[in-house]
Amino acid sequence: MDKDKLIDVKQTFALWCALTAARSSPKCRFSNDEGAKIATNDLLLKFRTLDDLPDPIKFDDCHRKLRQKICLKAENIIEDKTMHFTHGVAAKFINVYFKAMFLNDVPPECIVQEMRINSLHPPIDRRLLKTLAKKKVGGLEKFWREKANKGWSNFSSDDYEDVIKHIKYVTKGHLWEIEEYWKIDDKDDNNPKQRCL
C-alpha cells in the first residue's frame, strides 16, 4: 500500500469531516471550495502525520495561532460577509480535522504518541457542553451551562481557551476523555435546531 496515497485519502476524509462540522452553525455557512481554500497547505493540511503535530507543551499556543490564521483566511475567502467565522468555528474545524486524521490511527497499546493524543482538543459543541452541565462534571455545572448558552460558534478565543482549560482540569490532561459525555440519544437530539449549535 502506498503510504502517501493513504495519507492523501485520510486527509481528504478528515477535511470533509472538518468542513461539515465547522459549517454546522447557521451563523457560519460556507461552501466546500471555500473550506478547502481556508485549509490550504500553509495552514491545516501541513499536518499529515502525528509527528507533524507540535510537542504537547506547545500544542495550545500552536492551536491559538492556527485559529487566528484560519479566522483571517476565512474572512478573505468566504463570500457571504454576513457569516461569522469565529474562534469557536475555527476550533471545530481544527479539532475535527485532527481527530479524523490522527486519533483512529493509533493502536491502544501504543504509548509512544500518547502525550500527543492527550493534547488534541476535543471538538466543542452545545451538546457536549449541555451534557457536562447536566452531569455536573467537575462540579462546574454553572460554567458549562453558561458556555452552552453562549454557543460554540459564538466563542471568542478567550471563551474557547477557557473551556479547554476547564476540560484539562476535569480530565487531568487527557482531553479526549471528555468525549464520553457526547450522547446522541438525548431528547434534545430529536430537535434539529438543538443539534451542534
C-alpha atoms as a PDB file:
ATOM      1  CA  MET A   1       0.000   0.000   0.000  1.00  0.00           C
ATOM      2  CA  ASP A   2       1.337   3.436  -0.965  1.00  0.00           C
ATOM      3  CA  LYS A   3       1.697   5.373   2.310  1.00  0.00           C
ATOM      4  CA  ASP A   4       1.472   8.815   0.678  1.00  0.00           C
ATOM      5  CA  LYS A   5      -1.721   7.873  -1.182  1.00  0.00           C
ATOM      6  CA  LEU A   6      -3.226   6.558   2.044  1.00  0.00           C
ATOM      7  CA  ILE A   7      -2.369   9.816   3.822  1.00  0.00           C
ATOM      8  CA  ASP A   8      -3.931  11.775   0.935  1.00  0.00           C
ATOM      9  CA  VAL A   9      -7.163   9.769   1.232  1.00  0.00           C
ATOM     10  CA  LYS A  10      -7.238  10.176   5.021  1.00  0.00           C
ATOM     11  CA  GLN A  11      -6.624  13.883   4.611  1.00  0.00           C
ATOM     12  CA  THR A  12      -9.490  14.258   2.150  1.00  0.00           C
ATOM     13  CA  PHE A  13     -11.811  12.453   4.566  1.00  0.00           C
ATOM     14  CA  ALA A  14     -10.558  14.475   7.570  1.00  0.00           C
ATOM     15  CA  LEU A  15     -11.053  17.717   5.659  1.00  0.00           C
ATOM     16  CA  TRP A  16     -14.599  16.711   4.658  1.00  0.00           C
ATOM     17  CA  CYS A  17     -15.386  15.888   8.306  1.00  0.00           C
ATOM     18  CA  ALA A  18     -13.932  19.204   9.464  1.00  0.00           C
ATOM     19  CA  LEU A  19     -15.808  21.243   6.841  1.00  0.00           C
ATOM     20  CA  THR A  20     -19.091  19.527   7.641  1.00  0.00           C
ATOM     21  CA  ALA A  21     -18.704  20.061  11.386  1.00  0.00           C
ATOM     22  CA  ALA A  22     -17.459  23.666  11.200  1.00  0.00           C
ATOM     23  CA  ARG A  23     -20.243  24.857   8.945  1.00  0.00           C
ATOM     24  CA  SER A  24     -22.986  23.215  11.007  1.00  0.00           C
ATOM     25  CA  SER A  25     -23.625  26.540  12.712  1.00  0.00           C
ATOM     26  CA  PRO A  26     -26.264  28.612  10.906  1.00  0.00           C
ATOM     27  CA  LYS A  27     -24.103  31.634  11.743  1.00  0.00           C
ATOM     28  CA  CYS A  28     -21.262  30.419   9.553  1.00  0.00           C
ATOM     29  CA  ARG A  29     -22.100  28.618   6.339  1.00  0.00           C
ATOM     30  CA  PHE A  30     -19.521  28.229   3.600  1.00  0.00           C
ATOM     31  CA  SER A  31     -19.008  26.062   0.525  1.00  0.00           C
ATOM     32  CA  ASN A  32     -16.714  23.060   0.165  1.00  0.00           C
ATOM     33  CA  ASP A  33     -14.474  25.119  -2.109  1.00  0.00           C
ATOM     34  CA  GLU A  34     -14.262  27.947   0.418  1.00  0.00           C
ATOM     35  CA  GLY A  35     -13.495  25.475   3.204  1.00  0.00           C
ATOM     36  CA  ALA A  36     -10.781  23.762   1.168  1.00  0.00           C
ATOM     37  CA  LYS A  37      -9.169  27.137   0.446  1.00  0.00           C
ATOM     38  CA  ILE A  38      -9.262  28.016   4.147  1.00  0.00           C
ATOM     39  CA  ALA A  39      -7.416  24.778   4.975  1.00  0.00           C
ATOM     40  CA  THR A  40      -4.713  25.109   2.314  1.00  0.00           C
ATOM     41  CA  ASN A  41      -1.265  23.614   2.784  1.00  0.00           C
ATOM     42  CA  ASP A  42       0.240  26.508   4.724  1.00  0.00           C
ATOM     43  CA  LEU A  43      -2.376  26.027   7.439  1.00  0.00           C
ATOM     44  CA  LEU A  44      -4.220  22.847   8.343  1.00  0.00           C
ATOM     45  CA  LEU A  45      -3.166  20.494   5.571  1.00  0.00           C
ATOM     46  CA  LYS A  46       0.503  20.642   6.557  1.00  0.00           C
ATOM     47  CA  PHE A  47      -0.401  18.291   9.425  1.00  0.00           C
ATOM     48  CA  ARG A  48      -0.196  14.912   7.670  1.00  0.00           C
ATOM     49  CA  THR A  49       1.152  12.639  10.425  1.00  0.00           C
ATOM     50  CA  LEU A  50       1.190  12.648  14.224  1.00  0.00           C
ATOM     51  CA  ASP A  51       4.838  13.654  14.031  1.00  0.00           C
ATOM     52  CA  ASP A  52       3.794  16.883  12.277  1.00  0.00           C
ATOM     53  CA  LEU A  53       1.924  17.980  15.404  1.00  0.00           C
ATOM     54  CA  PRO A  54       3.782  20.260  17.801  1.00  0.00           C
ATOM     55  CA  ASP A  55       5.131  18.985  21.095  1.00  0.00           C
ATOM     56  CA  PRO A  56       2.274  18.679  23.601  1.00  0.00           C
ATOM     57  CA  ILE A  57       3.656  21.576  25.670  1.00  0.00           C
ATOM     58  CA  LYS A  58       3.423  23.859  22.613  1.00  0.00           C
ATOM     59  CA  PHE A  59       0.095  22.499  21.349  1.00  0.00           C
ATOM     60  CA  ASP A  60      -2.210  25.152  22.865  1.00  0.00           C
ATOM     61  CA  ASP A  61      -0.052  28.003  21.556  1.00  0.00           C
ATOM     62  CA  CYS A  62       0.053  26.396  18.106  1.00  0.00           C
ATOM     63  CA  HIS A  63      -3.734  25.896  18.242  1.00  0.00           C
ATOM     64  CA  ARG A  64      -4.278  29.588  19.103  1.00  0.00           C
ATOM     65  CA  LYS A  65      -2.062  30.753  16.218  1.00  0.00           C
ATOM     66  CA  LEU A  66      -3.736  28.319  13.846  1.00  0.00           C
ATOM     67  CA  ARG A  67      -7.210  29.585  14.870  1.00  0.00           C
ATOM     68  CA  GLN A  68      -6.103  33.177  14.297  1.00  0.00           C
ATOM     69  CA  LYS A  69      -4.712  32.390  10.836  1.00  0.00           C
ATOM     70  CA  ILE A  70      -7.781  30.372   9.864  1.00  0.00           C
ATOM     71  CA  CYS A  71     -10.131  33.160  11.000  1.00  0.00           C
ATOM     72  CA  LEU A  72      -8.181  35.719   8.948  1.00  0.00           C
ATOM     73  CA  LYS A  73      -8.080  33.468   5.915  1.00  0.00           C
ATOM     74  CA  ALA A  74     -11.814  32.718   6.207  1.00  0.00           C
ATOM     75  CA  GLU A  75     -12.571  36.432   6.377  1.00  0.00           C
ATOM     76  CA  ASN A  76     -10.896  36.878   2.986  1.00  0.00           C
ATOM     77  CA  ILE A  77     -12.315  33.732   1.376  1.00  0.00           C
ATOM     78  CA  ILE A  78     -15.952  33.424   2.476  1.00  0.00           C
ATOM     79  CA  GLU A  79     -18.004  35.491   0.065  1.00  0.00           C
ATOM     80  CA  ASP A  80     -21.069  35.926   2.281  1.00  0.00           C
ATOM     81  CA  LYS A  81     -19.898  38.684   4.632  1.00  0.00           C
ATOM     82  CA  THR A  82     -22.842  38.097   6.998  1.00  0.00           C
ATOM     83  CA  MET A  83     -21.203  34.851   8.133  1.00  0.00           C
ATOM     84  CA  HIS A  84     -19.176  34.967  11.358  1.00  0.00           C
ATOM     85  CA  PHE A  85     -16.148  32.661  11.270  1.00  0.00           C
ATOM     86  CA  THR A  86     -15.293  32.872  14.977  1.00  0.00           C
ATOM     87  CA  HIS A  87     -12.605  31.169  17.050  1.00  0.00           C
ATOM     88  CA  GLY A  88     -15.285  28.630  18.007  1.00  0.00           C
ATOM     89  CA  VAL A  89     -15.839  27.768  14.341  1.00  0.00           C
ATOM     90  CA  ALA A  90     -12.086  27.681  13.651  1.00  0.00           C
ATOM     91  CA  ALA A  91     -11.558  25.416  16.668  1.00  0.00           C
ATOM     92  CA  LYS A  92     -14.252  22.996  15.461  1.00  0.00           C
ATOM     93  CA  PHE A  93     -12.586  22.972  12.024  1.00  0.00           C
ATOM     94  CA  ILE A  94      -9.143  22.199  13.513  1.00  0.00           C
ATOM     95  CA  ASN A  95     -10.272  19.725  16.160  1.00  0.00           C
ATOM     96  CA  VAL A  96     -12.411  17.578  13.882  1.00  0.00           C
ATOM     97  CA  TYR A  97      -9.649  17.545  11.264  1.00  0.00           C
ATOM     98  CA  PHE A  98      -7.086  16.393  13.849  1.00  0.00           C
ATOM     99  CA  LYS A  99      -9.416  13.764  15.328  1.00  0.00           C
ATOM    100  CA  ALA A 100     -10.354  12.309  11.934  1.00  0.00           C
ATOM    101  CA  MET A 101      -6.772  12.461  10.700  1.00  0.00           C
ATOM    102  CA  PHE A 102      -4.919  11.069  13.699  1.00  0.00           C
ATOM    103  CA  LEU A 103      -6.963   9.562  16.506  1.00  0.00           C
ATOM    104  CA  ASN A 104      -8.169   6.412  14.786  1.00  0.00           C
ATOM    105  CA  ASP A 105      -4.663   5.697  13.558  1.00  0.00           C
ATOM    106  CA  VAL A 106      -3.084   4.887  16.905  1.00  0.00           C
ATOM    107  CA  PRO A 107      -3.382   1.389  18.360  1.00  0.00           C
ATOM    108  CA  PRO A 108      -4.466   1.413  22.029  1.00  0.00           C
ATOM    109  CA  GLU A 109      -1.237  -0.226  23.149  1.00  0.00           C
ATOM    110  CA  CYS A 110       0.917   2.481  21.517  1.00  0.00           C
ATOM    111  CA  ILE A 111       2.083   4.811  24.274  1.00  0.00           C
ATOM    112  CA  VAL A 112       4.778   6.469  22.161  1.00  0.00           C
ATOM    113  CA  GLN A 113       2.261   9.010  20.857  1.00  0.00           C
ATOM    114  CA  GLU A 114       0.085   9.093  23.979  1.00  0.00           C
ATOM    115  CA  MET A 115       1.081  12.619  25.016  1.00  0.00           C
ATOM    116  CA  ARG A 116       0.308  13.957  21.540  1.00  0.00           C
ATOM    117  CA  ILE A 117      -3.076  12.221  21.542  1.00  0.00           C
ATOM    118  CA  ASN A 118      -3.842  13.537  25.038  1.00  0.00           C
ATOM    119  CA  SER A 119      -3.134  17.100  23.898  1.00  0.00           C
ATOM    120  CA  LEU A 120      -5.600  17.042  20.961  1.00  0.00           C
ATOM    121  CA  HIS A 121      -8.539  19.306  21.736  1.00  0.00           C
ATOM    122  CA  PRO A 122     -11.996  17.735  21.548  1.00  0.00           C
ATOM    123  CA  PRO A 123     -14.500  19.337  19.186  1.00  0.00           C
ATOM    124  CA  ILE A 124     -16.708  21.555  21.349  1.00  0.00           C
ATOM    125  CA  ASP A 125     -20.426  21.856  20.693  1.00  0.00           C
ATOM    126  CA  ARG A 126     -23.614  22.677  22.539  1.00  0.00           C
ATOM    127  CA  ARG A 127     -24.499  19.001  23.017  1.00  0.00           C
ATOM    128  CA  LEU A 128     -21.254  18.306  24.850  1.00  0.00           C
ATOM    129  CA  LEU A 129     -21.498  21.456  26.988  1.00  0.00           C
ATOM    130  CA  LYS A 130     -25.141  20.772  27.916  1.00  0.00           C
ATOM    131  CA  THR A 131     -24.315  17.203  28.928  1.00  0.00           C
ATOM    132  CA  LEU A 132     -21.369  18.401  31.016  1.00  0.00           C
ATOM    133  CA  ALA A 133     -23.727  20.827  32.783  1.00  0.00           C
ATOM    134  CA  LYS A 134     -26.459  18.216  33.237  1.00  0.00           C
ATOM    135  CA  LYS A 135     -23.978  15.719  34.711  1.00  0.00           C
ATOM    136  CA  LYS A 136     -22.322  18.491  36.799  1.00  0.00           C
ATOM    137  CA  VAL A 137     -18.923  17.347  35.534  1.00  0.00           C
ATOM    138  CA  GLY A 138     -16.133  18.626  37.742  1.00  0.00           C
ATOM    139  CA  GLY A 139     -18.673  20.494  39.880  1.00  0.00           C
ATOM    140  CA  LEU A 140     -18.748  23.094  37.083  1.00  0.00           C
ATOM    141  CA  GLU A 141     -22.446  22.972  36.136  1.00  0.00           C
ATOM    142  CA  LYS A 142     -22.820  26.776  36.010  1.00  0.00           C
ATOM    143  CA  PHE A 143     -19.707  27.216  33.853  1.00  0.00           C
ATOM    144  CA  TRP A 144     -20.732  24.530  31.334  1.00  0.00           C
ATOM    145  CA  ARG A 145     -24.294  25.902  31.156  1.00  0.00           C
ATOM    146  CA  GLU A 146     -23.079  29.463  30.529  1.00  0.00           C
ATOM    147  CA  LYS A 147     -20.853  28.272  27.683  1.00  0.00           C
ATOM    148  CA  ALA A 148     -23.639  26.097  26.235  1.00  0.00           C
ATOM    149  CA  ASN A 149     -25.997  29.083  26.293  1.00  0.00           C
ATOM    150  CA  LYS A 150     -23.432  31.236  24.517  1.00  0.00           C
ATOM    151  CA  GLY A 151     -22.957  28.568  21.819  1.00  0.00           C
ATOM    152  CA  TRP A 152     -19.650  27.303  20.448  1.00  0.00           C
ATOM    153  CA  SER A 153     -19.986  29.224  17.202  1.00  0.00           C
ATOM    154  CA  ASN A 154     -20.053  32.493  19.183  1.00  0.00           C
ATOM    155  CA  PHE A 155     -16.871  31.745  21.135  1.00  0.00           C
ATOM    156  CA  SER A 156     -14.063  34.258  21.155  1.00  0.00           C
ATOM    157  CA  SER A 157     -10.513  32.997  21.565  1.00  0.00           C
ATOM    158  CA  ASP A 158     -10.783  33.604  25.324  1.00  0.00           C
ATOM    159  CA  ASP A 159     -14.096  31.691  25.566  1.00  0.00           C
ATOM    160  CA  TYR A 160     -12.655  28.732  23.712  1.00  0.00           C
ATOM    161  CA  GLU A 161      -9.447  28.635  25.745  1.00  0.00           C
ATOM    162  CA  ASP A 162     -11.452  28.886  28.971  1.00  0.00           C
ATOM    163  CA  VAL A 163     -13.452  25.790  28.002  1.00  0.00           C
ATOM    164  CA  ILE A 164     -10.271  23.889  27.102  1.00  0.00           C
ATOM    165  CA  LYS A 165      -8.666  24.928  30.410  1.00  0.00           C
ATOM    166  CA  HIS A 166     -11.642  23.517  32.323  1.00  0.00           C
ATOM    167  CA  ILE A 167     -11.648  20.321  30.255  1.00  0.00           C
ATOM    168  CA  LYS A 168      -7.948  19.857  31.017  1.00  0.00           C
ATOM    169  CA  TYR A 169      -8.728  20.268  34.696  1.00  0.00           C
ATOM    170  CA  VAL A 170     -11.583  17.752  34.648  1.00  0.00           C
ATOM    171  CA  THR A 171      -9.700  15.151  32.564  1.00  0.00           C
ATOM    172  CA  LYS A 172      -6.308  15.666  34.223  1.00  0.00           C
ATOM    173  CA  GLY A 173      -4.830  16.458  30.804  1.00  0.00           C
ATOM    174  CA  HIS A 174      -6.377  13.553  28.862  1.00  0.00           C
ATOM    175  CA  LEU A 175      -8.651  15.819  26.833  1.00  0.00           C
ATOM    176  CA  TRP A 176     -10.141  13.002  24.743  1.00  0.00           C
ATOM    177  CA  GLU A 177     -11.755  11.533  27.856  1.00  0.00           C
ATOM    178  CA  ILE A 178     -14.332  14.363  27.913  1.00  0.00           C
ATOM    179  CA  GLU A 179     -15.830  12.893  24.739  1.00  0.00           C
ATOM    180  CA  GLU A 180     -17.524  10.169  26.770  1.00  0.00           C
ATOM    181  CA  TYR A 181     -20.143  12.842  27.519  1.00  0.00           C
ATOM    182  CA  TRP A 182     -21.275  13.150  23.922  1.00  0.00           C
ATOM    183  CA  LYS A 183     -24.647  11.490  23.908  1.00  0.00           C
ATOM    184  CA  ILE A 184     -26.526  11.183  20.662  1.00  0.00           C
ATOM    185  CA  ASP A 185     -29.613   9.736  22.281  1.00  0.00           C
ATOM    186  CA  ASP A 186     -30.583  12.798  24.362  1.00  0.00           C
ATOM    187  CA  LYS A 187     -34.125  14.072  23.866  1.00  0.00           C
ATOM    188  CA  ASP A 188     -32.742  17.382  22.564  1.00  0.00           C
ATOM    189  CA  ASP A 189     -31.242  15.471  19.636  1.00  0.00           C
ATOM    190  CA  ASN A 190     -34.736  14.969  18.200  1.00  0.00           C
ATOM    191  CA  ASN A 191     -34.896  18.710  17.630  1.00  0.00           C
ATOM    192  CA  PRO A 192     -32.668  19.597  14.649  1.00  0.00           C
ATOM    193  CA  LYS A 193     -32.426  23.192  15.882  1.00  0.00           C
ATOM    194  CA  GLN A 194     -30.675  21.926  19.028  1.00  0.00           C
ATOM    195  CA  ARG A 195     -28.048  19.836  17.236  1.00  0.00           C
ATOM    196  CA  CYS A 196     -24.483  21.093  17.476  1.00  0.00           C
ATOM    197  CA  LEU A 197     -25.381  24.764  17.860  1.00  0.00           C
END
